[in-house]
């Protein structure tokens, strides 16, 4: 059996990689993709199959939203970027979401 962290990392990598390819081609990130990633993250947490619990997934999602939303309000990022980082936060949990934001900032 694989480690939960490796599975989550694979999902985040595949989802954000796909989002990057689509965004470069169309200048949009589909809501279906960001929504699916968020649902998967919350589902993994709710079933206790991942490294964070349900509360951590929800907090990670909220932090992802809070970190990127100001950039969108000032015109620096698109709404898809905000939703994508919030969805990634649901998979990563609060601590790793903070680290991811610091690395990308």
Protein backbone atom coordinates (compact mmCIF):
# COMPACT_ATOMS: atom_id res chain seq x y z
CA UNK A 1 0.00 0.00 0.00
CA UNK A 2 1.25 3.46 -0.86
CA UNK A 3 1.70 6.23 1.66
CA UNK A 4 -1.25 8.67 1.81
CA UNK A 5 1.12 11.61 1.27
CA UNK A 6 2.38 10.10 -2.00
CA UNK A 7 -1.15 9.57 -3.28
CA UNK A 8 -2.15 13.14 -2.42
CA UNK A 9 1.02 14.50 -4.02
CA UNK A 10 0.28 12.53 -7.19
CA UNK A 11 -3.28 13.90 -7.32
CA UNK A 12 -2.14 17.48 -6.71
CA UNK A 13 0.63 17.16 -9.31
CA UNK A 14 -1.65 15.65 -11.94
CA UNK A 15 -4.46 18.13 -11.29
CA UNK A 16 -2.33 21.26 -11.26
CA UNK A 17 -0.28 20.02 -14.20
CA UNK A 18 -3.43 19.44 -16.23
CA UNK A 19 -4.72 22.86 -15.16
CA UNK A 20 -1.47 24.47 -16.35
CA UNK A 21 -1.69 22.81 -19.77
CA UNK A 22 -5.34 23.79 -20.21
CA UNK A 23 -4.68 27.33 -18.94
CA UNK A 24 -1.80 27.83 -21.37
CA UNK A 25 -3.95 26.67 -24.28
CA UNK A 26 -7.26 28.34 -23.44
CA UNK A 27 -6.44 30.99 -20.80
CA UNK A 28 -9.05 29.33 -18.54
CA UNK A 29 -9.06 26.68 -15.83
CA UNK A 30 -12.26 24.62 -15.98
CA UNK A 31 -14.54 24.69 -12.95
CA UNK A 32 -15.05 20.95 -13.43
CA UNK A 33 -11.34 20.37 -12.80
CA UNK A 34 -11.08 22.61 -9.74
CA UNK A 35 -14.35 21.29 -8.37
CA UNK A 36 -13.26 17.68 -8.86
CA UNK A 37 -9.97 18.32 -7.07
CA UNK A 38 -11.78 19.94 -4.14
CA UNK A 39 -14.29 17.09 -3.89
CA UNK A 40 -11.50 14.51 -4.07
CA UNK A 41 -9.55 16.31 -1.36
CA UNK A 42 -12.52 16.58 0.97
CA UNK A 43 -13.56 13.00 0.16
CA UNK A 44 -10.10 11.64 0.95
CA UNK A 45 -10.09 13.56 4.22
CA UNK A 46 -13.63 12.52 5.17
CA UNK A 47 -12.84 8.84 4.62
CA UNK A 48 -9.55 9.19 6.53
CA UNK A 49 -7.51 7.96 3.59
CA UNK A 50 -5.21 10.98 3.48
CA UNK A 51 -2.70 12.73 5.69
CA UNK A 52 -5.21 15.33 6.98
CA UNK A 53 -8.66 15.02 8.46
CA UNK A 54 -11.83 16.71 7.31
CA UNK A 55 -11.19 19.82 9.40
CA UNK A 56 -7.69 20.12 7.96
CA UNK A 57 -8.98 19.76 4.41
CA UNK A 58 -11.59 22.47 4.94
CA UNK A 59 -9.07 24.76 6.61
CA UNK A 60 -6.55 24.14 3.82
CA UNK A 61 -9.22 25.02 1.27
CA UNK A 62 -10.11 28.21 3.14
CA UNK A 63 -6.44 29.21 3.45
CA UNK A 64 -5.83 28.57 -0.24
CA UNK A 65 -8.76 30.81 -1.06
CA UNK A 66 -7.67 33.50 1.40
CA UNK A 67 -4.08 33.57 0.12
CA UNK A 68 -4.86 33.93 -3.59
CA UNK A 69 -8.12 35.91 -3.53
CA UNK A 70 -6.42 39.30 -2.85
CA UNK A 71 -4.31 38.83 -5.98
CA UNK A 72 -7.47 38.26 -7.98
CA UNK A 73 -9.17 41.32 -6.50
CA UNK A 74 -6.20 43.43 -7.61
CA UNK A 75 -6.13 41.87 -11.08
CA UNK A 76 -2.92 39.84 -10.66
CA UNK A 77 -4.52 36.38 -10.92
CA UNK A 78 -7.57 34.87 -12.53
CA UNK A 79 -10.53 33.36 -10.73
CA UNK A 80 -9.47 29.90 -11.91
CA UNK A 81 -6.15 30.32 -10.12
CA UNK A 82 -7.99 31.16 -6.91
CA UNK A 83 -10.24 28.11 -7.20
CA UNK A 84 -7.32 25.86 -8.13
CA UNK A 85 -5.25 26.87 -5.10
CA UNK A 86 -8.26 26.46 -2.81
CA UNK A 87 -8.82 22.96 -4.23
CA UNK A 88 -5.14 22.12 -3.77
CA UNK A 89 -5.45 23.35 -0.19
CA UNK A 90 -8.22 20.82 0.41
CA UNK A 91 -5.82 18.07 -0.61
CA UNK A 92 -2.74 19.45 1.13
CA UNK A 93 -4.15 20.63 4.44
CA UNK A 94 -3.33 23.88 6.22
CA UNK A 95 0.39 23.49 6.97
CA UNK A 96 1.37 22.38 3.47
CA UNK A 97 -0.91 24.99 1.90
CA UNK A 98 0.98 27.71 3.79
CA UNK A 99 4.29 26.23 2.58
CA UNK A 100 3.03 26.00 -0.99
CA UNK A 101 1.93 29.63 -0.90
CA UNK A 102 5.28 30.78 0.47
CA UNK A 103 7.15 28.83 -2.22
CA UNK A 104 5.00 30.22 -5.02
CA UNK A 105 4.93 33.80 -3.73
